[in-house]
Amino acid sequence: MVDLAARFEELGRLVPIPDPWDITEYIARVAEYRERPITLCPIDIGALLGNGGGLWIARRQDFRNRHR
């Protein structure tokens, strides 16, 4: 079983959390770490009901240059 505390510590080292907190900066850091962009798009809140609060859409063009 994975120790979640250890995993989050590792992720915090790989993608440092801005202090003070800045969501825009954190998203930029995650995108840089992943070597592909993150695009935020507004959606109707009703689309998230019962789904845990998030939506991820993988697009072919986001992976195009990474796997050559």
N, C-alpha and C. Protein backbone atom coordinates (compact mmCIF):
# COMPACT_ATOMS: atom_id res chain seq x y z
N MET A 1 0.84 -1.18 0.00
CA MET A 1 0.00 0.00 0.00
C MET A 1 0.89 1.25 0.00
N VAL A 2 0.50 2.25 -0.75
CA VAL A 2 1.27 3.48 -0.88
C VAL A 2 1.02 4.38 0.33
N ASP A 3 2.08 4.91 0.90
CA ASP A 3 1.98 5.87 2.00
C ASP A 3 1.65 7.22 1.39
N LEU A 4 0.41 7.66 1.54
CA LEU A 4 -0.04 8.91 0.90
C LEU A 4 0.74 10.12 1.38
N ALA A 5 1.08 10.18 2.65
CA ALA A 5 1.85 11.32 3.16
C ALA A 5 3.20 11.40 2.45
N ALA A 6 3.87 10.26 2.29
CA ALA A 6 5.17 10.23 1.60
C ALA A 6 5.00 10.62 0.13
N ARG A 7 3.93 10.15 -0.48
CA ARG A 7 3.68 10.48 -1.90
C ARG A 7 3.46 11.98 -2.07
N PHE A 8 2.68 12.60 -1.18
CA PHE A 8 2.44 14.04 -1.29
C PHE A 8 3.71 14.84 -1.00
N GLU A 9 4.54 14.36 -0.09
CA GLU A 9 5.83 15.03 0.15
C GLU A 9 6.69 14.99 -1.10
N GLU A 10 6.72 13.83 -1.75
CA GLU A 10 7.49 13.69 -2.99
C GLU A 10 6.96 14.63 -4.07
N LEU A 11 5.65 14.67 -4.22
CA LEU A 11 5.05 15.56 -5.23
C LEU A 11 5.33 17.03 -4.90
N GLY A 12 5.34 17.38 -3.62
CA GLY A 12 5.65 18.75 -3.22
C GLY A 12 7.08 19.14 -3.56
N ARG A 13 7.98 18.18 -3.57
CA ARG A 13 9.36 18.46 -3.98
C ARG A 13 9.45 18.59 -5.50
N LEU A 14 8.72 17.75 -6.22
CA LEU A 14 8.77 17.78 -7.68
C LEU A 14 8.09 19.02 -8.25
N VAL A 15 6.96 19.39 -7.66
CA VAL A 15 6.21 20.57 -8.10
C VAL A 15 5.94 21.41 -6.84
N PRO A 16 6.86 22.32 -6.51
CA PRO A 16 6.71 23.09 -5.27
C PRO A 16 5.41 23.90 -5.24
N ILE A 17 4.79 23.92 -4.08
CA ILE A 17 3.56 24.69 -3.88
C ILE A 17 3.95 26.13 -3.56
N PRO A 18 3.41 27.10 -4.32
CA PRO A 18 3.76 28.51 -4.09
C PRO A 18 3.35 28.97 -2.68
N ASP A 19 4.20 29.79 -2.09
CA ASP A 19 3.90 30.39 -0.78
C ASP A 19 4.23 31.87 -0.87
N PRO A 20 3.21 32.72 -0.86
CA PRO A 20 1.80 32.44 -0.59
C PRO A 20 1.15 31.71 -1.77
N TRP A 21 0.07 31.02 -1.47
CA TRP A 21 -0.65 30.22 -2.46
C TRP A 21 -1.09 31.09 -3.63
N ASP A 22 -0.85 30.58 -4.84
CA ASP A 22 -1.28 31.25 -6.07
C ASP A 22 -1.66 30.16 -7.06
N ILE A 23 -2.94 30.01 -7.32
CA ILE A 23 -3.43 28.92 -8.19
C ILE A 23 -2.84 29.03 -9.59
N THR A 24 -2.72 30.25 -10.11
CA THR A 24 -2.17 30.43 -11.46
C THR A 24 -0.72 29.97 -11.53
N GLU A 25 0.05 30.32 -10.53
CA GLU A 25 1.45 29.89 -10.48
C GLU A 25 1.57 28.38 -10.31
N TYR A 26 0.73 27.80 -9.48
CA TYR A 26 0.78 26.36 -9.27
C TYR A 26 0.43 25.60 -10.55
N ILE A 27 -0.58 26.05 -11.26
CA ILE A 27 -0.95 25.41 -12.53
C ILE A 27 0.19 25.53 -13.52
N ALA A 28 0.86 26.68 -13.56
CA ALA A 28 2.01 26.85 -14.46
C ALA A 28 3.13 25.87 -14.10
N ARG A 29 3.36 25.67 -12.81
CA ARG A 29 4.41 24.74 -12.37
C ARG A 29 4.06 23.30 -12.73
N VAL A 30 2.81 22.93 -12.55
CA VAL A 30 2.38 21.58 -12.91
C VAL A 30 2.52 21.36 -14.42
N ALA A 31 2.11 22.34 -15.21
CA ALA A 31 2.23 22.23 -16.67
C ALA A 31 3.70 22.08 -17.08
N GLU A 32 4.57 22.86 -16.45
CA GLU A 32 6.00 22.77 -16.76
C GLU A 32 6.54 21.38 -16.40
N TYR A 33 6.15 20.87 -15.26
CA TYR A 33 6.59 19.54 -14.83
C TYR A 33 6.11 18.46 -15.80
N ARG A 34 4.86 18.58 -16.24
CA ARG A 34 4.27 17.59 -17.15
C ARG A 34 4.75 17.75 -18.59
N GLU A 35 5.36 18.90 -18.90
CA GLU A 35 5.84 19.22 -20.25
C GLU A 35 4.70 19.27 -21.26
N ARG A 36 3.55 19.74 -20.81
CA ARG A 36 2.42 19.99 -21.70
C ARG A 36 1.48 20.97 -21.01
N PRO A 37 0.74 21.71 -21.81
CA PRO A 37 -0.09 22.78 -21.24
C PRO A 37 -1.29 22.25 -20.46
N ILE A 38 -1.77 23.09 -19.59
CA ILE A 38 -3.03 22.87 -18.90
C ILE A 38 -3.94 24.02 -19.30
N THR A 39 -5.08 23.69 -19.86
CA THR A 39 -6.03 24.70 -20.29
C THR A 39 -7.25 24.63 -19.39
N LEU A 40 -7.56 25.74 -18.74
CA LEU A 40 -8.74 25.81 -17.88
C LEU A 40 -9.90 26.35 -18.70
N CYS A 41 -11.02 25.67 -18.62
CA CYS A 41 -12.21 26.06 -19.37
C CYS A 41 -13.40 26.09 -18.42
N PRO A 42 -14.17 27.18 -18.43
CA PRO A 42 -15.36 27.21 -17.58
C PRO A 42 -16.40 26.22 -18.08
N ILE A 43 -17.08 25.58 -17.13
CA ILE A 43 -18.16 24.67 -17.49
C ILE A 43 -19.34 24.94 -16.57
N ASP A 44 -20.49 24.49 -16.97
CA ASP A 44 -21.69 24.61 -16.16
C ASP A 44 -21.53 23.73 -14.92
N ILE A 45 -21.72 24.29 -13.74
CA ILE A 45 -21.55 23.56 -12.50
C ILE A 45 -22.43 22.31 -12.45
N GLY A 46 -23.56 22.33 -13.13
CA GLY A 46 -24.44 21.17 -13.16
C GLY A 46 -23.78 19.95 -13.78
N ALA A 47 -22.80 20.16 -14.64
CA ALA A 47 -22.09 19.04 -15.27
C ALA A 47 -21.24 18.27 -14.27
N LEU A 48 -20.94 18.88 -13.12
CA LEU A 48 -20.08 18.25 -12.13
C LEU A 48 -20.84 17.58 -10.99
N LEU A 49 -22.14 17.77 -10.93
CA LEU A 49 -22.91 17.21 -9.83
C LEU A 49 -22.74 15.70 -9.74
N GLY A 50 -22.35 15.24 -8.59
CA GLY A 50 -22.16 13.80 -8.37
C GLY A 50 -20.87 13.25 -8.93
N ASN A 51 -19.98 14.11 -9.43
CA ASN A 51 -18.74 13.63 -10.04
C ASN A 51 -17.49 13.97 -9.25
N GLY A 52 -17.63 14.51 -8.06
CA GLY A 52 -16.45 14.78 -7.25
C GLY A 52 -15.83 16.15 -7.46
N GLY A 53 -16.28 16.93 -8.41
CA GLY A 53 -15.84 18.32 -8.51
C GLY A 53 -14.77 18.64 -9.53
N GLY A 54 -14.48 17.78 -10.46
CA GLY A 54 -13.48 18.09 -11.46
C GLY A 54 -13.74 17.38 -12.77
N LEU A 55 -13.09 17.85 -13.80
CA LEU A 55 -13.26 17.25 -15.12
C LEU A 55 -11.93 17.35 -15.84
N TRP A 56 -11.46 16.24 -16.41
CA TRP A 56 -10.23 16.24 -17.16
C TRP A 56 -10.55 15.72 -18.55
N ILE A 57 -10.10 16.46 -19.55
CA ILE A 57 -10.30 16.05 -20.93
C ILE A 57 -8.92 15.92 -21.57
N ALA A 58 -8.56 14.72 -21.96
CA ALA A 58 -7.29 14.49 -22.65
C ALA A 58 -7.51 14.75 -24.14
N ARG A 59 -6.67 15.62 -24.69
CA ARG A 59 -6.79 15.95 -26.10
C ARG A 59 -5.54 15.45 -26.84
N ARG A 60 -5.74 14.88 -28.01
CA ARG A 60 -4.64 14.33 -28.78
C ARG A 60 -3.53 15.36 -29.00
N GLN A 61 -3.87 16.61 -29.30
CA GLN A 61 -2.85 17.62 -29.60
C GLN A 61 -1.98 17.95 -28.38
N ASP A 62 -2.46 17.69 -27.18
CA ASP A 62 -1.65 17.93 -25.99
C ASP A 62 -0.55 16.89 -25.83
N PHE A 63 -0.67 15.74 -26.47
CA PHE A 63 0.30 14.67 -26.35
C PHE A 63 1.17 14.54 -27.61
N ARG A 64 0.85 15.27 -28.64
CA ARG A 64 1.48 15.13 -29.94
C ARG A 64 3.01 15.20 -29.87
N ASN A 65 3.57 16.22 -29.22
CA ASN A 65 5.02 16.41 -29.23
C ASN A 65 5.73 15.61 -28.15
N ARG A 66 5.03 15.13 -27.19
CA ARG A 66 5.66 14.43 -26.06
C ARG A 66 6.11 13.02 -26.40
N HIS A 67 5.43 12.34 -27.29
CA HIS A 67 5.69 10.92 -27.54
C HIS A 67 6.26 10.65 -28.92
N ARG A 68 7.14 11.48 -29.37
CA ARG A 68 7.80 11.26 -30.67
C ARG A 68 9.08 10.54 -30.51
